[in-house]
Amino acid sequence: MPVRTRRSKRRHGAGVGAWFDVFEGEFDFFGELEAAGVDLNRHGKPDLEVARTAWSELGVAFMEEFHARYPDGAHFIPWAVEQFGVPPQRKRRLRRR
């Protein structure tokens, strides 16, 4: 009989979709981050350190989605790139055989 996998009980934070508006233009226009449990100020902006942490984790995925939405290039530079720089590329580990 196959082993049944268990779902993680850990609550997963907001993903790239929820952070996209903030990374692109500094504000959470549709309230997706607030729905995911991220604290925002009255203008819809998250804390800068929270955004920096999210950028270090989700920046590469955001840039892939950003380039997919704007294949010919955008007429602007995303806010997160201006604020935090180009996201760090994750180094892939070589698997030993």
C-alpha atoms as a PDB file:
ATOM      1  CA  MET A   1       0.000   0.000   0.000  1.00  0.00           C
ATOM      2  CA  PRO A   2       1.441   3.440  -0.890  1.00  0.00           C
ATOM      3  CA  VAL A   3       2.530   5.750   1.859  1.00  0.00           C
ATOM      4  CA  ARG A   4       0.255   8.718   2.293  1.00  0.00           C
ATOM      5  CA  THR A   5       2.020  12.054   2.323  1.00  0.00           C
ATOM      6  CA  ARG A   6       1.164  14.500   5.068  1.00  0.00           C
ATOM      7  CA  ARG A   7       0.533  18.158   4.463  1.00  0.00           C
ATOM      8  CA  SER A   8       2.723  20.557   6.326  1.00  0.00           C
ATOM      9  CA  LYS A   9       1.016  22.222   9.278  1.00  0.00           C
ATOM     10  CA  ARG A  10       3.270  25.218   8.836  1.00  0.00           C
ATOM     11  CA  ARG A  11       1.482  28.236   7.483  1.00  0.00           C
ATOM     12  CA  HIS A  12       3.010  29.314   4.230  1.00  0.00           C
ATOM     13  CA  GLY A  13       3.545  33.013   3.743  1.00  0.00           C
ATOM     14  CA  ALA A  14       2.541  35.142   0.812  1.00  0.00           C
ATOM     15  CA  GLY A  15       3.902  34.026  -2.544  1.00  0.00           C
ATOM     16  CA  VAL A  16       5.126  35.887  -5.588  1.00  0.00           C
ATOM     17  CA  GLY A  17       1.584  36.611  -6.749  1.00  0.00           C
ATOM     18  CA  ALA A  18       0.746  38.467  -3.552  1.00  0.00           C
ATOM     19  CA  TRP A  19       4.039  40.388  -3.525  1.00  0.00           C
ATOM     20  CA  PHE A  20       3.988  41.231  -7.256  1.00  0.00           C
ATOM     21  CA  ASP A  21       2.314  44.650  -6.913  1.00  0.00           C
ATOM     22  CA  VAL A  22       4.633  45.693  -4.098  1.00  0.00           C
ATOM     23  CA  PHE A  23       7.762  44.548  -5.926  1.00  0.00           C
ATOM     24  CA  GLU A  24       6.582  46.281  -9.076  1.00  0.00           C
ATOM     25  CA  GLY A  25       5.243  49.548  -7.670  1.00  0.00           C
ATOM     26  CA  GLU A  26       5.745  49.741  -3.871  1.00  0.00           C
ATOM     27  CA  PHE A  27       2.044  49.468  -2.916  1.00  0.00           C
ATOM     28  CA  ASP A  28      -0.335  46.549  -2.313  1.00  0.00           C
ATOM     29  CA  PHE A  29      -3.119  47.773  -4.590  1.00  0.00           C
ATOM     30  CA  PHE A  30      -5.482  44.818  -4.192  1.00  0.00           C
ATOM     31  CA  GLY A  31      -4.921  43.891  -0.536  1.00  0.00           C
ATOM     32  CA  GLU A  32      -3.412  40.488  -1.291  1.00  0.00           C
ATOM     33  CA  LEU A  33      -0.624  40.866   1.260  1.00  0.00           C
ATOM     34  CA  GLU A  34      -2.994  41.964   3.970  1.00  0.00           C
ATOM     35  CA  ALA A  35      -5.122  38.883   3.274  1.00  0.00           C
ATOM     36  CA  ALA A  36      -1.972  36.752   3.607  1.00  0.00           C
ATOM     37  CA  GLY A  37      -1.202  38.246   7.024  1.00  0.00           C
ATOM     38  CA  VAL A  38       1.464  40.826   6.159  1.00  0.00           C
ATOM     39  CA  ASP A  39       1.080  44.076   8.104  1.00  0.00           C
ATOM     40  CA  LEU A  40       0.683  47.174   5.935  1.00  0.00           C
ATOM     41  CA  ASN A  41       0.627  50.849   6.820  1.00  0.00           C
ATOM     42  CA  ARG A  42      -2.397  52.991   6.021  1.00  0.00           C
ATOM     43  CA  HIS A  43      -1.091  53.618   2.490  1.00  0.00           C
ATOM     44  CA  GLY A  44      -0.827  49.910   1.644  1.00  0.00           C
ATOM     45  CA  LYS A  45       2.949  49.648   2.011  1.00  0.00           C
ATOM     46  CA  PRO A  46       4.670  46.876   3.981  1.00  0.00           C
ATOM     47  CA  ASP A  47       7.576  47.484   6.346  1.00  0.00           C
ATOM     48  CA  LEU A  48      10.826  47.939   4.404  1.00  0.00           C
ATOM     49  CA  GLU A  49      12.630  45.119   6.234  1.00  0.00           C
ATOM     50  CA  VAL A  50       9.752  42.708   5.617  1.00  0.00           C
ATOM     51  CA  ALA A  51       9.859  43.622   1.920  1.00  0.00           C
ATOM     52  CA  ARG A  52      13.654  43.149   1.868  1.00  0.00           C
ATOM     53  CA  THR A  53      13.315  39.658   3.365  1.00  0.00           C
ATOM     54  CA  ALA A  54      10.589  38.744   0.887  1.00  0.00           C
ATOM     55  CA  TRP A  55      12.732  40.098  -1.962  1.00  0.00           C
ATOM     56  CA  SER A  56      15.668  37.904  -0.972  1.00  0.00           C
ATOM     57  CA  GLU A  57      13.381  34.849  -0.990  1.00  0.00           C
ATOM     58  CA  LEU A  58      11.084  35.641  -3.931  1.00  0.00           C
ATOM     59  CA  GLY A  59      13.098  38.058  -6.069  1.00  0.00           C
ATOM     60  CA  VAL A  60      14.271  35.516  -8.634  1.00  0.00           C
ATOM     61  CA  ALA A  61      10.738  34.169  -9.139  1.00  0.00           C
ATOM     62  CA  PHE A  62       9.400  37.728  -9.414  1.00  0.00           C
ATOM     63  CA  MET A  63      11.926  38.631 -12.103  1.00  0.00           C
ATOM     64  CA  GLU A  64      10.980  35.517 -14.104  1.00  0.00           C
ATOM     65  CA  GLU A  65       7.294  36.483 -13.933  1.00  0.00           C
ATOM     66  CA  PHE A  66       8.094  40.135 -14.658  1.00  0.00           C
ATOM     67  CA  HIS A  67      10.016  39.216 -17.814  1.00  0.00           C
ATOM     68  CA  ALA A  68       7.176  36.907 -18.854  1.00  0.00           C
ATOM     69  CA  ARG A  69       4.646  39.752 -18.500  1.00  0.00           C
ATOM     70  CA  TYR A  70       6.875  42.223 -20.326  1.00  0.00           C
ATOM     71  CA  PRO A  71       8.747  40.149 -22.955  1.00  0.00           C
ATOM     72  CA  ASP A  72       9.781  43.241 -24.947  1.00  0.00           C
ATOM     73  CA  GLY A  73      10.963  45.032 -21.825  1.00  0.00           C
ATOM     74  CA  ALA A  74       9.048  47.365 -19.564  1.00  0.00           C
ATOM     75  CA  HIS A  75       9.082  51.145 -19.691  1.00  0.00           C
ATOM     76  CA  PHE A  76      10.018  51.241 -16.004  1.00  0.00           C
ATOM     77  CA  ILE A  77      12.292  49.573 -13.475  1.00  0.00           C
ATOM     78  CA  PRO A  78      10.477  47.659 -10.713  1.00  0.00           C
ATOM     79  CA  TRP A  79      10.500  49.352  -7.316  1.00  0.00           C
ATOM     80  CA  ALA A  80      12.177  46.379  -5.616  1.00  0.00           C
ATOM     81  CA  VAL A  81      15.067  46.423  -8.104  1.00  0.00           C
ATOM     82  CA  GLU A  82      15.575  50.136  -7.472  1.00  0.00           C
ATOM     83  CA  GLN A  83      15.314  49.692  -3.705  1.00  0.00           C
ATOM     84  CA  PHE A  84      17.140  46.389  -3.089  1.00  0.00           C
ATOM     85  CA  GLY A  85      19.070  45.705  -6.291  1.00  0.00           C
ATOM     86  CA  VAL A  86      18.967  42.694  -8.581  1.00  0.00           C
ATOM     87  CA  PRO A  87      17.898  39.579  -6.655  1.00  0.00           C
ATOM     88  CA  PRO A  88      20.642  37.184  -5.640  1.00  0.00           C
ATOM     89  CA  GLN A  89      20.850  34.088  -7.796  1.00  0.00           C
ATOM     90  CA  ARG A  90      20.675  30.869  -5.867  1.00  0.00           C
ATOM     91  CA  LYS A  91      23.612  28.600  -6.355  1.00  0.00           C
ATOM     92  CA  ARG A  92      22.664  25.108  -7.348  1.00  0.00           C
ATOM     93  CA  ARG A  93      24.308  22.320  -5.490  1.00  0.00           C
ATOM     94  CA  LEU A  94      25.809  19.547  -7.506  1.00  0.00           C
ATOM     95  CA  ARG A  95      24.435  16.194  -6.554  1.00  0.00           C
ATOM     96  CA  ARG A  96      26.944  13.519  -5.801  1.00  0.00           C
ATOM     97  CA  ARG A  97      26.420  10.157  -7.350  1.00  0.00           C
END
